[in-house]
Protein backbone atom coordinates (compact mmCIF):
# COMPACT_ATOMS: atom_id res chain seq x y z
CA MET A 1 57.15 -35.78 107.42
CA LEU A 2 58.17 -39.25 106.24
CA ARG A 3 55.54 -40.79 108.49
CA ARG A 4 52.80 -38.60 106.89
CA LYS A 5 53.87 -39.63 103.36
CA SER A 6 53.78 -43.27 104.37
CA GLY A 7 50.26 -42.81 105.74
CA ASN A 8 49.13 -41.14 102.53
CA LYS A 9 50.49 -44.03 100.50
CA LYS A 10 48.48 -46.47 102.62
CA ILE A 11 45.30 -44.45 102.12
CA ILE A 12 45.89 -44.26 98.36
CA PHE A 13 46.56 -48.02 98.25
CA ILE A 14 43.36 -48.80 100.17
CA LEU A 15 41.27 -46.47 97.99
CA GLY A 16 42.74 -48.05 94.86
CA ALA A 17 41.92 -51.52 96.13
CA VAL A 18 38.34 -50.46 96.90
CA VAL A 19 37.92 -48.98 93.41
CA LEU A 20 39.36 -52.14 91.81
CA ILE A 21 37.06 -54.42 93.83
CA ALA A 22 34.04 -52.26 92.95
CA ALA A 23 34.96 -52.42 89.27
CA LEU A 24 35.32 -56.20 89.40
CA LEU A 25 31.96 -56.55 91.15
CA THR A 26 30.35 -54.33 88.52
CA VAL A 27 31.72 -56.52 85.72
CA LEU A 28 30.63 -59.73 87.46
CA LEU A 29 27.12 -58.40 88.13
CA ALA A 30 26.79 -57.17 84.57
CA THR A 31 27.88 -60.55 83.23
CA PHE A 32 25.46 -62.36 85.53
CA TYR A 33 22.61 -60.07 84.53
CA ARG A 34 23.35 -60.46 80.83
CA ASN A 35 23.50 -64.25 81.13
CA LYS A 36 20.34 -64.27 83.20
CA ILE A 37 18.46 -62.45 80.46
CA SER A 38 19.95 -64.44 77.60
CA THR A 39 18.85 -67.72 79.12
CA SER A 40 15.27 -66.52 79.60
CA ALA A 41 15.15 -66.46 83.38
CA ASP A 42 12.67 -63.61 83.06
CA THR A 43 9.84 -63.08 80.58
CA ASP A 44 7.76 -60.06 79.70
CA SER A 45 4.04 -60.15 80.41
CA TRP A 46 3.13 -60.83 76.77
CA GLN A 47 5.36 -63.89 76.51
CA LEU A 48 5.01 -67.56 77.36
CA GLY A 49 7.65 -68.92 79.72
CA PRO A 50 10.13 -69.12 81.24
CA TRP A 51 10.66 -72.53 79.63
CA THR A 52 12.17 -75.53 81.41
CA LYS A 53 13.52 -78.43 79.37
CA TYR A 54 12.39 -81.89 80.44
CA GLU A 55 15.21 -83.57 82.33
CA ASN A 56 14.71 -86.88 80.49
CA ASN A 57 14.90 -85.50 76.95
CA PRO A 58 14.81 -86.82 74.30
CA ILE A 59 11.21 -88.03 74.53
CA LEU A 60 11.22 -89.60 71.05
CA THR A 61 14.02 -91.29 69.10
CA SER A 62 14.22 -93.12 65.79
CA GLY A 63 14.66 -96.76 64.87
CA ASP A 64 11.40 -98.51 65.79
CA PHE A 65 10.20 -98.79 62.17
CA GLU A 66 11.88 -98.76 58.75
CA TRP A 67 10.17 -95.51 57.73
CA GLU A 68 11.76 -93.73 60.72
CA SER A 69 15.02 -95.65 60.75
CA LYS A 70 17.32 -92.60 60.49
CA ASN A 71 15.89 -89.62 62.42
CA VAL A 72 12.79 -88.19 64.08
CA LEU A 73 12.47 -84.42 64.35
CA ASN A 74 10.38 -81.25 64.06
CA PRO A 75 7.01 -82.31 65.54
CA THR A 76 3.68 -80.54 65.67
CA ALA A 77 1.15 -81.29 68.42
CA ILE A 78 -2.54 -81.03 69.22
CA VAL A 79 -4.80 -82.05 72.10
CA LYS A 80 -7.74 -84.38 71.36
CA ASP A 81 -9.89 -86.35 73.81
CA GLY A 82 -7.59 -85.57 76.75
CA LYS A 83 -4.43 -86.77 74.99
CA ILE A 84 -1.58 -85.13 73.11
CA TYR A 85 -1.16 -86.23 69.51
CA LEU A 86 2.34 -85.63 68.20
CA LEU A 87 2.78 -85.62 64.43
CA TYR A 88 6.48 -85.77 63.65
CA ARG A 89 8.83 -85.85 60.71
CA ALA A 90 10.58 -89.20 60.29
CA GLN A 91 13.46 -90.05 57.96
CA THR A 92 14.66 -93.28 56.40
CA HIS A 93 18.33 -93.96 55.72
CA ASP A 94 17.89 -92.73 52.14
CA MET A 95 16.66 -89.42 53.66
CA THR A 96 13.06 -89.73 52.49
CA SER A 97 10.69 -88.12 55.01
CA TYR A 98 7.33 -89.33 56.32
CA ILE A 99 5.00 -87.95 58.98
CA GLY A 100 4.42 -90.28 61.90
CA MET A 101 2.10 -90.16 64.89
CA ALA A 102 2.67 -90.71 68.61
CA VAL A 103 0.14 -90.34 71.43
CA SER A 104 0.61 -89.44 75.10
CA GLU A 105 -1.55 -89.08 78.19
CA ASP A 106 1.00 -87.01 80.13
CA GLY A 107 2.92 -85.06 77.47
CA PHE A 108 6.22 -86.86 78.12
CA ASN A 109 5.70 -90.56 77.42
CA PHE A 110 4.50 -91.39 73.91
CA VAL A 111 3.32 -94.50 72.10
CA LYS A 112 4.09 -94.50 68.37
CA GLU A 113 1.71 -95.64 65.67
CA LYS A 114 3.21 -98.40 63.52
CA GLU A 115 2.49 -96.72 60.19
CA PRO A 116 3.00 -93.12 59.04
CA VAL A 117 -0.10 -90.97 58.69
CA LEU A 118 1.32 -89.09 55.68
CA PHE A 119 3.81 -90.26 53.07
CA PRO A 120 5.01 -88.96 49.69
CA THR A 121 2.67 -89.75 46.79
CA GLU A 122 2.76 -86.65 44.55
CA ASP A 123 5.37 -85.24 42.18
CA TYR A 124 5.76 -82.10 44.31
CA GLU A 125 6.75 -84.19 47.36
CA LYS A 126 8.45 -87.21 45.83
CA ALA A 127 11.49 -86.93 48.12
CA GLY A 128 9.51 -86.45 51.31
CA VAL A 129 6.79 -84.82 53.39
CA GLU A 130 8.37 -82.72 56.12
CA ASP A 131 7.93 -80.40 59.10
CA PRO A 132 4.17 -80.43 59.83
CA ARG A 133 2.20 -77.73 61.64
CA ILE A 134 -1.39 -78.40 62.66
CA VAL A 135 -4.45 -76.38 63.60
CA GLU A 136 -8.07 -77.41 64.30
CA ILE A 137 -10.80 -75.10 63.00
CA ASP A 138 -14.54 -75.95 63.13
CA GLY A 139 -13.94 -79.69 63.52
CA THR A 140 -11.41 -80.04 60.71
CA TYR A 141 -7.66 -80.45 61.15
CA TYR A 142 -5.50 -78.46 58.75
CA MET A 143 -1.88 -79.56 58.47
CA THR A 144 0.68 -77.55 56.56
CA TYR A 145 3.83 -79.40 55.56
CA THR A 146 6.81 -79.15 53.25
CA GLY A 147 6.88 -81.14 50.02
CA TRP A 148 10.49 -81.85 49.08
CA ILE A 149 11.83 -82.90 45.64
CA ARG A 150 15.57 -82.67 46.53
CA THR A 151 16.09 -79.54 44.41
CA THR A 152 13.42 -77.32 45.98
CA ASN A 153 10.46 -77.41 48.36
CA TYR A 154 6.79 -76.38 48.39
CA LEU A 155 4.45 -75.40 51.20
CA CYS A 156 1.57 -77.91 51.06
CA LEU A 157 -1.72 -78.56 52.86
CA ALA A 158 -3.67 -81.63 53.97
CA THR A 159 -6.96 -81.90 55.91
CA SER A 160 -8.45 -84.53 58.20
CA LYS A 161 -11.38 -85.19 60.49
CA ASP A 162 -9.64 -87.74 62.71
CA LEU A 163 -5.85 -87.05 62.51
CA TYR A 164 -5.22 -90.41 60.85
CA ASN A 165 -6.79 -90.10 57.40
CA TRP A 166 -5.57 -87.11 55.41
CA GLU A 167 -6.70 -85.55 52.14
CA LYS A 168 -3.97 -83.67 50.32
CA LYS A 169 -4.92 -80.25 48.95
CA GLY A 170 -1.71 -79.58 47.01
CA LYS A 171 0.60 -76.58 46.98
CA MET A 172 -0.62 -73.67 49.07
CA LEU A 173 1.28 -70.92 47.21
CA PRO A 174 1.78 -72.29 43.68
CA ASP A 175 2.75 -68.93 42.18
CA TRP A 176 5.29 -67.92 44.83
CA PRO A 177 8.56 -67.25 42.94
CA THR A 178 10.92 -69.11 45.28
CA ALA A 179 10.87 -72.17 47.54
CA THR A 180 8.22 -72.06 50.29
CA LYS A 181 7.82 -73.80 53.64
CA SER A 182 6.86 -73.41 57.31
CA GLY A 183 3.22 -72.34 57.27
CA ALA A 184 1.71 -71.44 60.66
CA ILE A 185 -2.04 -70.71 60.44
CA VAL A 186 -3.68 -68.41 62.99
CA PRO A 187 -6.51 -70.49 64.56
CA GLN A 188 -9.37 -68.02 64.02
CA LYS A 189 -10.52 -65.40 61.54
CA ILE A 190 -9.36 -61.81 61.99
CA ASN A 191 -11.01 -59.02 60.01
CA GLY A 192 -13.04 -61.62 58.13
CA LYS A 193 -10.05 -63.65 56.91
CA TYR A 194 -7.70 -66.41 57.99
CA HIS A 195 -4.02 -65.53 58.30
CA MET A 196 -0.82 -67.55 57.92
CA TYR A 197 2.85 -66.80 58.56
CA PHE A 198 5.39 -68.61 56.39
CA GLY A 199 8.97 -68.51 55.09
CA ASP A 200 12.42 -69.59 56.23
CA THR A 201 14.75 -66.63 55.71
CA ASN A 202 12.48 -63.68 56.31
CA MET A 203 8.92 -64.24 57.49
CA TYR A 204 5.97 -63.59 55.17
CA TYR A 205 2.21 -63.58 55.51
CA ALA A 206 -0.83 -64.75 53.52
CA THR A 207 -4.61 -64.50 53.88
CA SER A 208 -7.50 -66.78 52.94
CA GLU A 209 -11.27 -66.88 53.14
CA ASP A 210 -11.58 -70.68 53.04
CA LEU A 211 -8.23 -72.03 54.40
CA ILE A 212 -7.56 -73.68 51.03
CA ASN A 213 -6.82 -70.79 48.65
CA TRP A 214 -4.22 -68.33 49.93
CA THR A 215 -3.10 -64.89 48.79
CA PRO A 216 0.43 -63.99 49.92
CA ARG A 217 1.85 -60.57 50.61
CA THR A 218 5.18 -60.07 48.86
CA GLU A 219 6.81 -57.91 51.55
CA PRO A 220 8.11 -59.66 54.67
CA VAL A 221 6.34 -59.01 57.97
CA MET A 222 9.45 -59.86 60.00
CA GLU A 223 13.07 -59.92 58.91
CA PHE A 224 16.18 -61.49 60.35
CA ARG A 225 18.32 -59.06 62.37
CA TYR A 226 21.73 -58.99 60.74
CA MET A 227 22.81 -55.69 62.28
CA LYS A 228 24.83 -55.81 65.46
CA LYS A 229 23.60 -54.62 68.82
CA GLU A 230 25.10 -51.53 70.42
CA ASN A 231 27.51 -53.73 72.38
CA GLY A 232 28.72 -55.42 69.19
CA GLU A 233 26.96 -58.75 69.77
CA ARG A 234 24.88 -60.48 67.10
CA TYR A 235 21.21 -61.34 67.56
CA PHE A 236 20.23 -65.00 67.86
CA ASP A 237 18.19 -64.57 64.62
CA SER A 238 20.85 -62.74 62.62
CA MET A 239 20.73 -65.17 59.67
CA LEU A 240 17.11 -66.29 59.38
CA VAL A 241 13.65 -66.36 60.99
CA GLU A 242 11.05 -69.07 60.47
CA PRO A 243 7.58 -69.67 62.00
CA GLY A 244 7.35 -72.30 64.71
CA PRO A 245 4.10 -73.82 66.06
CA THR A 246 0.54 -72.69 65.42
CA PRO A 247 0.14 -69.13 66.80
CA ILE A 248 -2.08 -68.49 69.81
CA ILE A 249 -4.48 -65.61 70.40
CA THR A 250 -3.79 -63.64 73.58
CA PRO A 251 -5.37 -60.45 74.98
CA GLY A 252 -2.35 -58.52 73.73
CA GLY A 253 -2.16 -59.93 70.22
CA ILE A 254 -1.13 -62.96 68.14
CA LEU A 255 1.74 -64.75 69.85
CA LEU A 256 3.99 -66.74 67.54
CA ILE A 257 6.88 -68.85 68.73
CA TYR A 258 9.49 -68.76 65.99
CA ASN A 259 12.87 -70.23 65.11
CA GLY A 260 15.97 -68.19 64.44
CA ALA A 261 19.51 -68.96 63.35
CA ASP A 262 22.58 -66.81 63.83
CA THR A 263 25.57 -66.30 61.55
CA TRP A 264 27.22 -69.38 63.10
CA LYS A 265 24.14 -71.44 62.10
CA ARG A 266 23.05 -72.06 65.68
CA TYR A 267 19.28 -72.50 65.85
CA SER A 268 17.25 -71.31 68.82
CA THR A 269 13.71 -70.21 69.64
CA GLY A 270 12.21 -66.75 70.06
CA GLU A 271 8.75 -65.23 70.52
CA VAL A 272 7.01 -62.43 68.64
CA LEU A 273 3.68 -60.66 69.15
CA PHE A 274 1.66 -59.48 66.14
CA SER A 275 -1.26 -57.05 66.22
CA LEU A 276 -4.84 -58.35 66.36
CA GLU A 277 -5.98 -55.30 64.40
CA ASP A 278 -3.39 -55.85 61.65
CA PRO A 279 -1.68 -59.26 61.84
CA SER A 280 1.18 -58.03 59.66
CA ILE A 281 2.42 -55.60 62.33
CA VAL A 282 4.97 -56.67 64.95
CA LEU A 283 4.25 -55.28 68.42
CA GLU A 284 6.89 -57.07 70.48
CA ARG A 285 9.84 -59.35 69.79
CA THR A 286 12.31 -61.07 72.09
CA GLU A 287 15.86 -59.78 72.07
CA PHE A 288 17.23 -63.04 73.43
CA PRO A 289 16.22 -66.65 72.71
CA VAL A 290 13.68 -68.28 75.01
CA LEU A 291 15.06 -71.75 74.23
CA GLU A 292 18.60 -72.46 73.03
CA VAL A 293 21.15 -75.21 72.53
CA ASP A 294 22.68 -76.58 75.73
CA HIS A 295 22.04 -80.37 75.67
CA GLU A 296 24.71 -82.60 74.14
CA LEU A 297 22.12 -84.14 71.79
CA GLU A 298 21.25 -80.64 70.56
CA LYS A 299 24.90 -79.83 69.96
CA THR A 300 25.51 -82.93 67.83
CA GLY A 301 23.20 -84.62 65.33
CA GLN A 302 22.28 -84.69 61.67
CA VAL A 303 22.65 -80.91 61.92
CA ASN A 304 24.70 -79.64 64.85
CA ASN A 305 23.58 -76.91 67.25
CA VAL A 306 19.84 -77.06 66.61
CA VAL A 307 16.81 -76.44 68.80
CA PHE A 308 13.86 -76.20 66.39
CA SER A 309 10.39 -75.66 67.88
CA GLU A 310 7.26 -76.70 65.98
CA GLY A 311 4.67 -78.06 68.44
CA LEU A 312 2.81 -76.16 71.17
CA VAL A 313 -0.16 -77.27 73.28
CA LYS A 314 -1.80 -76.20 76.51
CA PHE A 315 -2.33 -79.34 78.60
CA LYS A 316 -3.15 -79.93 82.27
CA GLY A 317 -2.22 -76.42 83.40
CA LYS A 318 1.03 -76.20 81.45
CA TRP A 319 2.30 -75.27 78.02
CA PHE A 320 4.24 -78.03 76.27
CA LEU A 321 6.69 -76.92 73.57
CA TYR A 322 8.00 -79.74 71.36
CA TYR A 323 11.18 -79.30 69.36
CA GLY A 324 13.77 -81.08 67.24
CA MET A 325 17.15 -81.78 68.86
CA GLY A 326 20.03 -81.59 66.40
CA ASP A 327 17.61 -82.58 63.60
CA SER A 328 17.78 -86.13 64.97
CA ARG A 329 15.55 -86.49 68.04
CA ILE A 330 12.61 -84.84 69.77
CA GLY A 331 12.54 -82.99 73.09
CA VAL A 332 10.04 -80.98 75.10
CA ALA A 333 10.09 -77.91 77.34
CA THR A 334 7.28 -76.75 79.63
CA CYS A 335 6.10 -73.64 81.43
CA ASP A 336 3.16 -72.84 83.66
CA ALA A 337 0.04 -71.60 81.88
CA LYS A 338 -0.75 -68.06 83.03
CA ASP A 339 -4.27 -67.12 84.07
């Protein structure tokens, strides 16, 4: 009788150990799977990616000229004549911003121009010209940028035929009731009009017939996600959303890479797909960031914990995504271009 009880205890002990090991394995696998998703190891068919950061980031740093003596950050990019032209925000030590130019034949190694291509001249930008986004339509380059006067900012527009000589067109949304910035123009007409996403808390939308005069819609087309997920976690864009580079047209819709910040003010990058039939309608949106802070120079800088994407080009079979690192330097990530 005693022997049977002892045997039963052994069986119970073994079964308990098996259950415990299975539970631990379940937790470990769940953690691995969650981390795998959150770091963008997989992408849905509508997305670009997965993105791989260049191992030698940063690709651009400040200090070569007085007008970029403090920081370089938040670049836009475009391909012309087989080269990538990077137009980037540059800051002096008094925090005045200019837009500089750098050129590359491989997407990683850039040669800077000695003079800025855009600098503050108007009352609505007297403290700086910031955060450019560029698109080429019918042989003309349209560059949106932020005019800063230290107390507020305005979304502005300039045009060029050669990327070096720019004609300023003024404020894009002069009657908008609050500060405006971050204009990303869709590169072709849809339903007879041009479309632009803008804003830096929620995301808004405007239309134009001539790319100069814009009519905004007052309701946001995409809002930050403050609510918690079912598991209690916060979204990576729980505090704000802001357009990134120029959108691209895909078979499934208008793909916009955007920037988000969470309630801890950590900036990362997401992707959203808008409808081609109605560019104000969101079809898909990433739950997790596709690019996030992990480099030491992204963790520390003028603003800590920042990956801020603004430049996207397709070049030599790859997508190149250019971004600001800690608001102080410039990095790049790449992915294969899908057929």
